[in-house]
Amino acid sequence: MTLPIYVIDFETMFSDDYTLKKLSTEAYIRDPRFEALLLGVRDPQGALAWYGLEDIPGFLASVDWSQAAIL
C-alpha cells in the first residue's frame, strides 16, 4: 500500500541565538521559544494551501496520519 504524501513547511519564530544554524532540529522544536506561525502544505493531489497560527491544529487534526506520510 502506498500512503498519500503531504509536503509540509513550518514557518517559525527565530532570532540571532534561536536558529537551526545553532540548534539541532529537536532542540529547536523543544525550546520554549518555538512557535509555528504558518504552515505551508502541498497535499497528495498537488494543491497548495497555507494555514495561519490559529488554523494549524485544525488542519493537522483533519488528516488520518496513520494512513498518510509527511515529507
N, C-alpha and C. Protein backbone atom coordinates (compact mmCIF):
# COMPACT_ATOMS: atom_id res chain seq x y z
N MET A 1 0.84 -1.18 0.00
CA MET A 1 0.00 0.00 0.00
C MET A 1 0.88 1.24 0.00
N THR A 2 0.61 2.16 -0.90
CA THR A 2 1.33 3.42 -0.95
C THR A 2 0.53 4.48 -0.21
N LEU A 3 1.16 5.13 0.76
CA LEU A 3 0.48 6.17 1.52
C LEU A 3 0.50 7.49 0.76
N PRO A 4 -0.57 8.29 0.89
CA PRO A 4 -0.53 9.64 0.32
C PRO A 4 0.51 10.46 1.07
N ILE A 5 1.22 11.33 0.35
CA ILE A 5 2.29 12.12 0.95
C ILE A 5 1.90 13.59 0.99
N TYR A 6 2.00 14.18 2.18
CA TYR A 6 1.80 15.61 2.38
C TYR A 6 3.18 16.24 2.54
N VAL A 7 3.47 17.26 1.76
CA VAL A 7 4.71 18.01 1.89
C VAL A 7 4.39 19.23 2.75
N ILE A 8 5.09 19.38 3.88
CA ILE A 8 4.77 20.48 4.79
C ILE A 8 6.02 21.30 5.09
N ASP A 9 5.78 22.58 5.38
CA ASP A 9 6.85 23.50 5.75
C ASP A 9 6.32 24.47 6.80
N PHE A 10 6.90 24.42 7.99
CA PHE A 10 6.52 25.33 9.05
C PHE A 10 7.37 26.59 8.99
N GLU A 11 6.73 27.73 9.11
CA GLU A 11 7.43 29.00 9.29
C GLU A 11 7.35 29.31 10.78
N THR A 12 8.50 29.57 11.38
CA THR A 12 8.57 29.72 12.83
C THR A 12 9.32 30.98 13.23
N MET A 13 9.19 31.33 14.50
CA MET A 13 9.93 32.43 15.07
C MET A 13 11.40 32.06 15.13
N PHE A 14 12.29 33.02 14.89
CA PHE A 14 13.72 32.78 15.06
C PHE A 14 14.38 34.09 15.46
N SER A 15 15.58 33.99 15.96
CA SER A 15 16.38 35.17 16.32
C SER A 15 17.84 34.83 16.11
N ASP A 16 18.72 35.76 16.43
CA ASP A 16 20.15 35.52 16.23
C ASP A 16 20.66 34.30 17.00
N ASP A 17 20.11 34.07 18.21
CA ASP A 17 20.58 32.93 19.01
C ASP A 17 19.63 31.75 18.99
N TYR A 18 18.46 31.92 18.38
CA TYR A 18 17.48 30.84 18.29
C TYR A 18 17.25 30.55 16.81
N THR A 19 18.07 29.66 16.28
CA THR A 19 18.04 29.35 14.85
C THR A 19 18.51 27.91 14.63
N LEU A 20 18.07 27.32 13.55
CA LEU A 20 18.50 25.95 13.22
C LEU A 20 19.98 25.89 12.86
N LYS A 21 20.60 27.03 12.61
CA LYS A 21 22.04 27.04 12.37
C LYS A 21 22.82 26.82 13.66
N LYS A 22 22.18 27.08 14.80
CA LYS A 22 22.85 26.94 16.09
C LYS A 22 22.29 25.82 16.95
N LEU A 23 21.11 25.30 16.60
CA LEU A 23 20.45 24.26 17.39
C LEU A 23 20.10 23.07 16.51
N SER A 24 20.08 21.89 17.10
CA SER A 24 19.57 20.73 16.35
C SER A 24 18.07 20.92 16.14
N THR A 25 17.49 20.18 15.21
CA THR A 25 16.06 20.28 14.96
C THR A 25 15.28 19.96 16.23
N GLU A 26 15.69 18.90 16.92
CA GLU A 26 14.98 18.51 18.15
C GLU A 26 15.07 19.61 19.20
N ALA A 27 16.25 20.18 19.41
CA ALA A 27 16.42 21.25 20.40
C ALA A 27 15.59 22.47 20.01
N TYR A 28 15.54 22.79 18.73
CA TYR A 28 14.79 23.94 18.24
C TYR A 28 13.30 23.77 18.54
N ILE A 29 12.76 22.60 18.22
CA ILE A 29 11.33 22.36 18.40
C ILE A 29 10.96 22.25 19.87
N ARG A 30 11.83 21.70 20.69
CA ARG A 30 11.52 21.54 22.12
C ARG A 30 11.77 22.81 22.93
N ASP A 31 12.40 23.78 22.35
CA ASP A 31 12.70 25.04 23.04
C ASP A 31 11.39 25.78 23.36
N PRO A 32 11.29 26.40 24.53
CA PRO A 32 10.06 27.13 24.88
C PRO A 32 9.76 28.30 23.94
N ARG A 33 10.73 28.76 23.19
CA ARG A 33 10.50 29.86 22.24
C ARG A 33 9.86 29.39 20.95
N PHE A 34 9.80 28.08 20.72
CA PHE A 34 9.23 27.56 19.47
C PHE A 34 7.79 28.01 19.30
N GLU A 35 7.48 28.54 18.13
CA GLU A 35 6.12 28.93 17.80
C GLU A 35 5.93 28.77 16.30
N ALA A 36 5.03 27.90 15.92
CA ALA A 36 4.71 27.71 14.50
C ALA A 36 3.75 28.82 14.09
N LEU A 37 4.20 29.70 13.19
CA LEU A 37 3.41 30.86 12.79
C LEU A 37 2.59 30.61 11.53
N LEU A 38 3.10 29.76 10.66
CA LEU A 38 2.46 29.49 9.39
C LEU A 38 2.84 28.09 8.94
N LEU A 39 1.92 27.41 8.28
CA LEU A 39 2.19 26.08 7.76
C LEU A 39 1.81 26.04 6.28
N GLY A 40 2.78 25.73 5.45
CA GLY A 40 2.52 25.53 4.03
C GLY A 40 2.38 24.04 3.77
N VAL A 41 1.36 23.66 2.98
CA VAL A 41 1.08 22.24 2.72
C VAL A 41 0.83 22.03 1.23
N ARG A 42 1.49 21.03 0.67
CA ARG A 42 1.11 20.52 -0.66
C ARG A 42 0.50 19.16 -0.39
N ASP A 43 -0.78 19.03 -0.74
CA ASP A 43 -1.48 17.78 -0.45
C ASP A 43 -1.16 16.73 -1.52
N PRO A 44 -1.60 15.49 -1.32
CA PRO A 44 -1.26 14.41 -2.26
C PRO A 44 -1.74 14.66 -3.70
N GLN A 45 -2.74 15.52 -3.88
CA GLN A 45 -3.22 15.84 -5.22
C GLN A 45 -2.44 17.01 -5.84
N GLY A 46 -1.52 17.60 -5.07
CA GLY A 46 -0.70 18.69 -5.58
C GLY A 46 -1.20 20.08 -5.25
N ALA A 47 -2.33 20.19 -4.56
CA ALA A 47 -2.87 21.50 -4.19
C ALA A 47 -2.02 22.11 -3.07
N LEU A 48 -1.80 23.41 -3.13
CA LEU A 48 -1.00 24.12 -2.14
C LEU A 48 -1.93 24.95 -1.27
N ALA A 49 -1.70 24.91 0.04
CA ALA A 49 -2.51 25.70 0.97
C ALA A 49 -1.61 26.23 2.08
N TRP A 50 -2.03 27.35 2.66
CA TRP A 50 -1.33 27.95 3.80
C TRP A 50 -2.28 28.01 4.98
N TYR A 51 -1.77 27.68 6.16
CA TYR A 51 -2.58 27.72 7.38
C TYR A 51 -1.88 28.64 8.38
N GLY A 52 -2.63 29.61 8.89
CA GLY A 52 -2.12 30.52 9.90
C GLY A 52 -2.10 29.86 11.27
N LEU A 53 -1.52 30.56 12.20
CA LEU A 53 -1.34 30.06 13.57
C LEU A 53 -2.59 29.40 14.13
N GLU A 54 -3.74 30.04 13.98
CA GLU A 54 -4.97 29.52 14.57
C GLU A 54 -5.56 28.34 13.79
N ASP A 55 -5.13 28.15 12.54
CA ASP A 55 -5.69 27.08 11.71
C ASP A 55 -4.82 25.82 11.65
N ILE A 56 -3.59 25.91 12.12
CA ILE A 56 -2.68 24.76 12.06
C ILE A 56 -3.22 23.54 12.80
N PRO A 57 -3.68 23.69 14.06
CA PRO A 57 -4.18 22.49 14.77
C PRO A 57 -5.35 21.82 14.05
N GLY A 58 -6.25 22.60 13.49
CA GLY A 58 -7.40 22.03 12.78
C GLY A 58 -6.98 21.24 11.56
N PHE A 59 -6.02 21.79 10.78
CA PHE A 59 -5.54 21.04 9.62
C PHE A 59 -4.88 19.74 10.06
N LEU A 60 -3.98 19.81 11.04
CA LEU A 60 -3.27 18.60 11.47
C LEU A 60 -4.24 17.54 11.99
N ALA A 61 -5.32 17.96 12.64
CA ALA A 61 -6.32 17.01 13.15
C ALA A 61 -7.19 16.45 12.04
N SER A 62 -7.24 17.11 10.89
CA SER A 62 -8.13 16.68 9.81
C SER A 62 -7.57 15.52 8.98
N VAL A 63 -6.29 15.22 9.14
CA VAL A 63 -5.65 14.16 8.35
C VAL A 63 -5.48 12.91 9.22
N ASP A 64 -5.82 11.77 8.68
CA ASP A 64 -5.58 10.50 9.37
C ASP A 64 -4.12 10.13 9.14
N TRP A 65 -3.24 10.54 10.07
CA TRP A 65 -1.80 10.35 9.89
C TRP A 65 -1.37 8.89 9.94
N SER A 66 -2.26 8.00 10.38
CA SER A 66 -1.92 6.56 10.32
C SER A 66 -2.03 6.05 8.88
N GLN A 67 -2.65 6.87 8.02
CA GLN A 67 -2.83 6.50 6.62
C GLN A 67 -2.18 7.49 5.67
N ALA A 68 -1.22 8.28 6.18
CA ALA A 68 -0.56 9.30 5.35
C ALA A 68 0.89 9.45 5.81
N ALA A 69 1.69 10.05 4.94
CA ALA A 69 3.10 10.30 5.24
C ALA A 69 3.40 11.79 5.09
N ILE A 70 4.45 12.24 5.77
CA ILE A 70 4.88 13.63 5.72
C ILE A 70 6.28 13.69 5.13
N LEU A 71 6.48 14.64 4.24
CA LEU A 71 7.80 14.91 3.70
C LEU A 71 8.18 16.31 4.10
